[in-house]
Amino acid sequence: MKKKAKEARIAAEKERLTTLMDGVPSSSAEVVKGLIERVSFMNVTLSELEEDINKNGSIELFKNGSQEFYKESASVKTYNTMINRYTAAVKELLRLVVENDKTKIGNPEVDEFMNFLTTRE
């Protein structure tokens, strides 16, 4: 993906997430802003990695002298690492937003969701 196109997709994702995060108190705003930036970048990058994996496969032939074997592609390794970090960042972002939305405290659906997030590893 071209750099400008990627930057445009990241900016669009930031915009989308920012509108979802309206109402976050100013005390958490900087943390939320930073998380939105990271999550936006990771979301777009994960999409690129998925495209590469779909196009080129998840394994590649590795040659070392006379030895040849298949190994996990670099895209798969990067994807697996990044998806874990992405999930953790989204979890934290959601926790901050729900925790700071006083109108949702006591809502059984939100309480159940927060319980799921906090007990999940």
N, C-alpha and C. Protein backbone atom coordinates (compact mmCIF):
# COMPACT_ATOMS: atom_id res chain seq x y z
N MET A 1 0.85 -1.17 0.00
CA MET A 1 0.00 0.00 0.00
C MET A 1 0.90 1.24 0.00
N LYS A 2 0.51 2.21 -0.76
CA LYS A 2 1.26 3.46 -0.83
C LYS A 2 1.18 4.18 0.51
N LYS A 3 2.23 4.93 0.81
CA LYS A 3 2.33 5.61 2.10
C LYS A 3 1.16 6.59 2.31
N LYS A 4 0.83 7.37 1.28
CA LYS A 4 -0.26 8.34 1.42
C LYS A 4 -1.60 7.65 1.61
N ALA A 5 -1.80 6.56 0.90
CA ALA A 5 -3.05 5.81 1.05
C ALA A 5 -3.16 5.22 2.46
N LYS A 6 -2.04 4.72 2.97
CA LYS A 6 -2.04 4.17 4.33
C LYS A 6 -2.31 5.27 5.35
N GLU A 7 -1.67 6.41 5.18
CA GLU A 7 -1.90 7.54 6.09
C GLU A 7 -3.35 7.98 6.05
N ALA A 8 -3.96 7.97 4.87
CA ALA A 8 -5.37 8.35 4.74
C ALA A 8 -6.27 7.35 5.46
N ARG A 9 -5.96 6.06 5.33
CA ARG A 9 -6.75 5.03 6.02
C ARG A 9 -6.60 5.15 7.54
N ILE A 10 -5.38 5.45 7.99
CA ILE A 10 -5.15 5.62 9.43
C ILE A 10 -5.93 6.83 9.92
N ALA A 11 -5.89 7.94 9.18
CA ALA A 11 -6.63 9.15 9.57
C ALA A 11 -8.13 8.88 9.62
N ALA A 12 -8.65 8.13 8.65
CA ALA A 12 -10.07 7.79 8.65
C ALA A 12 -10.44 6.93 9.85
N GLU A 13 -9.56 6.00 10.20
CA GLU A 13 -9.81 5.14 11.36
C GLU A 13 -9.76 5.96 12.65
N LYS A 14 -8.81 6.89 12.75
CA LYS A 14 -8.74 7.77 13.92
C LYS A 14 -10.03 8.57 14.06
N GLU A 15 -10.49 9.10 12.94
CA GLU A 15 -11.74 9.89 12.94
C GLU A 15 -12.91 9.04 13.42
N ARG A 16 -13.00 7.82 12.90
CA ARG A 16 -14.09 6.92 13.27
C ARG A 16 -14.06 6.61 14.76
N LEU A 17 -12.87 6.28 15.26
CA LEU A 17 -12.75 5.94 16.68
C LEU A 17 -12.97 7.15 17.58
N THR A 18 -12.50 8.30 17.14
CA THR A 18 -12.66 9.52 17.94
C THR A 18 -14.13 9.85 18.12
N THR A 19 -14.94 9.68 17.08
CA THR A 19 -16.37 9.96 17.21
C THR A 19 -17.04 8.98 18.17
N LEU A 20 -16.52 7.75 18.23
CA LEU A 20 -17.07 6.76 19.16
C LEU A 20 -16.69 7.06 20.60
N MET A 21 -15.63 7.83 20.80
CA MET A 21 -15.11 8.08 22.13
C MET A 21 -15.54 9.42 22.71
N ASP A 22 -16.52 10.06 22.08
CA ASP A 22 -17.02 11.33 22.61
C ASP A 22 -17.55 11.11 24.03
N GLY A 23 -17.37 12.09 24.86
CA GLY A 23 -17.87 12.01 26.22
C GLY A 23 -16.86 11.49 27.22
N VAL A 24 -15.66 11.18 26.77
CA VAL A 24 -14.62 10.74 27.69
C VAL A 24 -14.13 11.95 28.47
N PRO A 25 -14.04 11.87 29.79
CA PRO A 25 -13.60 13.02 30.58
C PRO A 25 -12.19 13.47 30.20
N SER A 26 -11.93 14.74 30.43
CA SER A 26 -10.63 15.30 30.06
C SER A 26 -9.48 14.61 30.79
N SER A 27 -9.74 14.06 31.97
CA SER A 27 -8.69 13.37 32.71
C SER A 27 -8.19 12.12 31.98
N SER A 28 -9.03 11.53 31.16
CA SER A 28 -8.65 10.34 30.40
C SER A 28 -8.42 10.63 28.93
N ALA A 29 -8.66 11.85 28.51
CA ALA A 29 -8.63 12.19 27.09
C ALA A 29 -7.28 11.93 26.44
N GLU A 30 -6.18 12.27 27.11
CA GLU A 30 -4.86 12.08 26.52
C GLU A 30 -4.53 10.60 26.35
N VAL A 31 -4.91 9.81 27.34
CA VAL A 31 -4.67 8.37 27.26
C VAL A 31 -5.49 7.78 26.12
N VAL A 32 -6.76 8.18 26.05
CA VAL A 32 -7.64 7.69 24.99
C VAL A 32 -7.12 8.11 23.63
N LYS A 33 -6.67 9.35 23.52
CA LYS A 33 -6.14 9.85 22.24
C LYS A 33 -4.94 9.00 21.80
N GLY A 34 -4.03 8.72 22.71
CA GLY A 34 -2.87 7.90 22.39
C GLY A 34 -3.26 6.49 21.97
N LEU A 35 -4.22 5.92 22.69
CA LEU A 35 -4.69 4.58 22.34
C LEU A 35 -5.36 4.57 20.97
N ILE A 36 -6.13 5.61 20.67
CA ILE A 36 -6.78 5.70 19.37
C ILE A 36 -5.74 5.75 18.26
N GLU A 37 -4.68 6.51 18.46
CA GLU A 37 -3.62 6.59 17.45
C GLU A 37 -2.98 5.22 17.23
N ARG A 38 -2.67 4.51 18.31
CA ARG A 38 -2.03 3.21 18.19
C ARG A 38 -2.97 2.19 17.56
N VAL A 39 -4.21 2.17 18.02
CA VAL A 39 -5.19 1.21 17.51
C VAL A 39 -5.45 1.46 16.02
N SER A 40 -5.53 2.71 15.63
CA SER A 40 -5.75 3.04 14.21
C SER A 40 -4.62 2.52 13.35
N PHE A 41 -3.39 2.78 13.78
CA PHE A 41 -2.23 2.30 13.03
C PHE A 41 -2.23 0.78 12.95
N MET A 42 -2.46 0.12 14.09
CA MET A 42 -2.43 -1.34 14.10
C MET A 42 -3.55 -1.93 13.24
N ASN A 43 -4.72 -1.32 13.27
CA ASN A 43 -5.85 -1.82 12.49
C ASN A 43 -5.52 -1.81 11.00
N VAL A 44 -4.98 -0.70 10.51
CA VAL A 44 -4.63 -0.59 9.10
C VAL A 44 -3.48 -1.54 8.75
N THR A 45 -2.49 -1.62 9.62
CA THR A 45 -1.35 -2.50 9.37
C THR A 45 -1.78 -3.97 9.38
N LEU A 46 -2.66 -4.33 10.29
CA LEU A 46 -3.17 -5.70 10.31
C LEU A 46 -3.91 -6.04 9.02
N SER A 47 -4.65 -5.08 8.49
CA SER A 47 -5.34 -5.30 7.21
C SER A 47 -4.34 -5.56 6.09
N GLU A 48 -3.26 -4.77 6.08
CA GLU A 48 -2.21 -4.97 5.08
C GLU A 48 -1.58 -6.36 5.21
N LEU A 49 -1.30 -6.74 6.44
CA LEU A 49 -0.69 -8.05 6.68
C LEU A 49 -1.63 -9.18 6.25
N GLU A 50 -2.92 -9.02 6.52
CA GLU A 50 -3.89 -10.02 6.09
C GLU A 50 -3.90 -10.15 4.57
N GLU A 51 -3.85 -9.02 3.87
CA GLU A 51 -3.80 -9.05 2.41
C GLU A 51 -2.55 -9.80 1.93
N ASP A 52 -1.41 -9.52 2.56
CA ASP A 52 -0.17 -10.19 2.18
C ASP A 52 -0.23 -11.69 2.44
N ILE A 53 -0.78 -12.06 3.58
CA ILE A 53 -0.90 -13.48 3.92
C ILE A 53 -1.85 -14.18 2.95
N ASN A 54 -2.96 -13.53 2.62
CA ASN A 54 -3.90 -14.13 1.66
C ASN A 54 -3.27 -14.27 0.28
N LYS A 55 -2.46 -13.31 -0.10
CA LYS A 55 -1.84 -13.32 -1.42
C LYS A 55 -0.67 -14.31 -1.50
N ASN A 56 0.20 -14.30 -0.48
CA ASN A 56 1.44 -15.07 -0.54
C ASN A 56 1.46 -16.32 0.33
N GLY A 57 0.44 -16.53 1.12
CA GLY A 57 0.39 -17.70 1.98
C GLY A 57 1.05 -17.45 3.33
N SER A 58 0.84 -18.39 4.23
CA SER A 58 1.34 -18.22 5.59
C SER A 58 2.71 -18.87 5.82
N ILE A 59 3.16 -19.65 4.85
CA ILE A 59 4.49 -20.25 4.95
C ILE A 59 5.29 -19.90 3.72
N GLU A 60 6.61 -19.96 3.87
CA GLU A 60 7.49 -19.66 2.74
C GLU A 60 8.65 -20.64 2.75
N LEU A 61 9.19 -20.87 1.56
CA LEU A 61 10.33 -21.76 1.43
C LEU A 61 11.58 -21.02 1.86
N PHE A 62 12.32 -21.62 2.77
CA PHE A 62 13.55 -21.02 3.28
C PHE A 62 14.72 -21.88 2.83
N LYS A 63 15.71 -21.24 2.23
CA LYS A 63 16.90 -21.96 1.77
C LYS A 63 18.11 -21.46 2.54
N ASN A 64 18.87 -22.42 3.06
CA ASN A 64 20.11 -22.10 3.77
C ASN A 64 21.16 -23.07 3.24
N GLY A 65 21.89 -22.62 2.24
CA GLY A 65 22.86 -23.51 1.61
C GLY A 65 22.14 -24.64 0.91
N SER A 66 22.46 -25.86 1.29
CA SER A 66 21.82 -27.02 0.66
C SER A 66 20.51 -27.40 1.36
N GLN A 67 20.25 -26.79 2.48
CA GLN A 67 19.03 -27.11 3.23
C GLN A 67 17.86 -26.26 2.72
N GLU A 68 16.72 -26.90 2.60
CA GLU A 68 15.49 -26.21 2.23
C GLU A 68 14.38 -26.69 3.16
N PHE A 69 13.60 -25.76 3.66
CA PHE A 69 12.45 -26.12 4.47
C PHE A 69 11.46 -24.97 4.46
N TYR A 70 10.24 -25.28 4.87
CA TYR A 70 9.21 -24.26 4.95
C TYR A 70 9.17 -23.69 6.35
N LYS A 71 8.94 -22.39 6.42
CA LYS A 71 8.82 -21.74 7.72
C LYS A 71 7.69 -20.73 7.66
N GLU A 72 7.28 -20.30 8.82
CA GLU A 72 6.25 -19.28 8.94
C GLU A 72 6.74 -18.00 8.28
N SER A 73 5.89 -17.36 7.51
CA SER A 73 6.31 -16.13 6.83
C SER A 73 6.49 -14.99 7.83
N ALA A 74 7.27 -14.01 7.45
CA ALA A 74 7.50 -12.84 8.30
C ALA A 74 6.19 -12.10 8.55
N SER A 75 5.30 -12.08 7.56
CA SER A 75 4.01 -11.41 7.73
C SER A 75 3.17 -12.09 8.81
N VAL A 76 3.22 -13.40 8.85
CA VAL A 76 2.46 -14.14 9.86
C VAL A 76 3.02 -13.86 11.25
N LYS A 77 4.34 -13.86 11.38
CA LYS A 77 4.95 -13.57 12.69
C LYS A 77 4.56 -12.18 13.16
N THR A 78 4.66 -11.21 12.28
CA THR A 78 4.31 -9.83 12.63
C THR A 78 2.83 -9.74 12.97
N TYR A 79 1.99 -10.39 12.17
CA TYR A 79 0.55 -10.37 12.40
C TYR A 79 0.21 -10.95 13.78
N ASN A 80 0.78 -12.10 14.09
CA ASN A 80 0.48 -12.75 15.37
C ASN A 80 0.89 -11.89 16.56
N THR A 81 2.01 -11.24 16.47
CA THR A 81 2.45 -10.35 17.54
C THR A 81 1.55 -9.13 17.64
N MET A 82 1.27 -8.52 16.49
CA MET A 82 0.50 -7.29 16.49
C MET A 82 -0.96 -7.51 16.89
N ILE A 83 -1.55 -8.62 16.51
CA ILE A 83 -2.96 -8.86 16.84
C ILE A 83 -3.14 -8.96 18.36
N ASN A 84 -2.16 -9.52 19.04
CA ASN A 84 -2.24 -9.59 20.51
C ASN A 84 -2.16 -8.20 21.12
N ARG A 85 -1.28 -7.38 20.62
CA ARG A 85 -1.14 -6.02 21.13
C ARG A 85 -2.36 -5.17 20.77
N TYR A 86 -2.90 -5.39 19.59
CA TYR A 86 -4.10 -4.68 19.15
C TYR A 86 -5.27 -5.02 20.07
N THR A 87 -5.44 -6.30 20.35
CA THR A 87 -6.52 -6.74 21.23
C THR A 87 -6.39 -6.11 22.61
N ALA A 88 -5.18 -6.07 23.15
CA ALA A 88 -4.95 -5.47 24.46
C ALA A 88 -5.26 -3.97 24.44
N ALA A 89 -4.86 -3.29 23.38
CA ALA A 89 -5.11 -1.84 23.28
C ALA A 89 -6.60 -1.55 23.15
N VAL A 90 -7.32 -2.34 22.36
CA VAL A 90 -8.76 -2.14 22.21
C VAL A 90 -9.46 -2.43 23.53
N LYS A 91 -9.03 -3.46 24.21
CA LYS A 91 -9.60 -3.80 25.52
C LYS A 91 -9.44 -2.63 26.49
N GLU A 92 -8.26 -2.04 26.53
CA GLU A 92 -8.01 -0.91 27.42
C GLU A 92 -8.82 0.31 27.01
N LEU A 93 -8.92 0.55 25.73
CA LEU A 93 -9.71 1.67 25.22
C LEU A 93 -11.17 1.53 25.61
N LEU A 94 -11.72 0.35 25.41
CA LEU A 94 -13.11 0.11 25.80
C LEU A 94 -13.31 0.23 27.30
N ARG A 95 -12.35 -0.26 28.07
CA ARG A 95 -12.45 -0.16 29.53
C ARG A 95 -12.51 1.29 29.96
N LEU A 96 -11.64 2.12 29.39
CA LEU A 96 -11.62 3.53 29.75
C LEU A 96 -12.92 4.23 29.39
N VAL A 97 -13.45 3.92 28.24
CA VAL A 97 -14.67 4.58 27.79
C VAL A 97 -15.86 4.15 28.63
N VAL A 98 -16.03 2.85 28.83
CA VAL A 98 -17.17 2.36 29.60
C VAL A 98 -17.04 2.77 31.06
N GLU A 99 -15.84 2.70 31.60
CA GLU A 99 -15.60 3.07 33.00
C GLU A 99 -15.96 4.53 33.25
N ASN A 100 -15.71 5.38 32.27
CA ASN A 100 -15.96 6.81 32.44
C ASN A 100 -17.35 7.24 32.03
N ASP A 101 -18.15 6.35 31.48
CA ASP A 101 -19.51 6.70 31.09
C ASP A 101 -20.44 6.35 32.24
N LYS A 102 -20.74 7.33 33.05
CA LYS A 102 -21.53 7.11 34.27
C LYS A 102 -22.95 6.63 33.97
N THR A 103 -23.46 6.91 32.77
CA THR A 103 -24.83 6.49 32.44
C THR A 103 -24.92 4.99 32.25
N LYS A 104 -23.78 4.33 32.06
CA LYS A 104 -23.81 2.89 31.80
C LYS A 104 -23.52 2.06 33.04
N ILE A 105 -23.15 2.71 34.13
CA ILE A 105 -22.87 1.97 35.36
C ILE A 105 -24.16 1.35 35.87
N GLY A 106 -24.11 0.08 36.18
CA GLY A 106 -25.28 -0.64 36.66
C GLY A 106 -26.07 -1.29 35.54
N ASN A 107 -25.74 -1.02 34.31
CA ASN A 107 -26.40 -1.65 33.18
C ASN A 107 -25.92 -3.10 33.13
N PRO A 108 -26.82 -4.07 33.22
CA PRO A 108 -26.40 -5.48 33.26
C PRO A 108 -25.58 -5.91 32.04
N GLU A 109 -25.93 -5.41 30.86
CA GLU A 109 -25.17 -5.78 29.66
C GLU A 109 -23.75 -5.26 29.73
N VAL A 110 -23.59 -4.01 30.17
CA VAL A 110 -22.26 -3.41 30.28
C VAL A 110 -21.47 -4.10 31.37
N ASP A 111 -22.12 -4.38 32.51
CA ASP A 111 -21.43 -5.07 33.60
C ASP A 111 -20.94 -6.45 33.16
N GLU A 112 -21.77 -7.15 32.41
CA GLU A 112 -21.38 -8.47 31.92
C GLU A 112 -20.21 -8.35 30.95
N PHE A 113 -20.26 -7.35 30.07
CA PHE A 113 -19.17 -7.13 29.11
C PHE A 113 -17.88 -6.78 29.84
N MET A 114 -17.95 -5.88 30.83
CA MET A 114 -16.76 -5.50 31.59
C MET A 114 -16.20 -6.69 32.35
N ASN A 115 -17.06 -7.52 32.90
CA ASN A 115 -16.61 -8.72 33.60
C ASN A 115 -15.87 -9.64 32.62
N PHE A 116 -16.40 -9.78 31.42
CA PHE A 116 -15.75 -10.58 30.39
C PHE A 116 -14.37 -10.02 30.06
N LEU A 117 -14.28 -8.70 29.89
CA LEU A 117 -13.00 -8.08 29.54
C LEU A 117 -11.96 -8.23 30.65
N THR A 118 -12.38 -8.07 31.89
CA THR A 118 -11.42 -8.09 32.98
C THR A 118 -10.97 -9.49 33.36
N THR A 119 -11.78 -10.50 33.05
CA THR A 119 -11.38 -11.87 33.41
C THR A 119 -10.72 -12.59 32.26
N ARG A 120 -10.76 -12.03 31.08
CA ARG A 120 -10.19 -12.65 29.89
C ARG A 120 -8.69 -12.45 29.86
N GLU A 121 -7.97 -13.47 29.45
CA GLU A 121 -6.52 -13.34 29.33
C GLU A 121 -6.07 -13.54 27.92
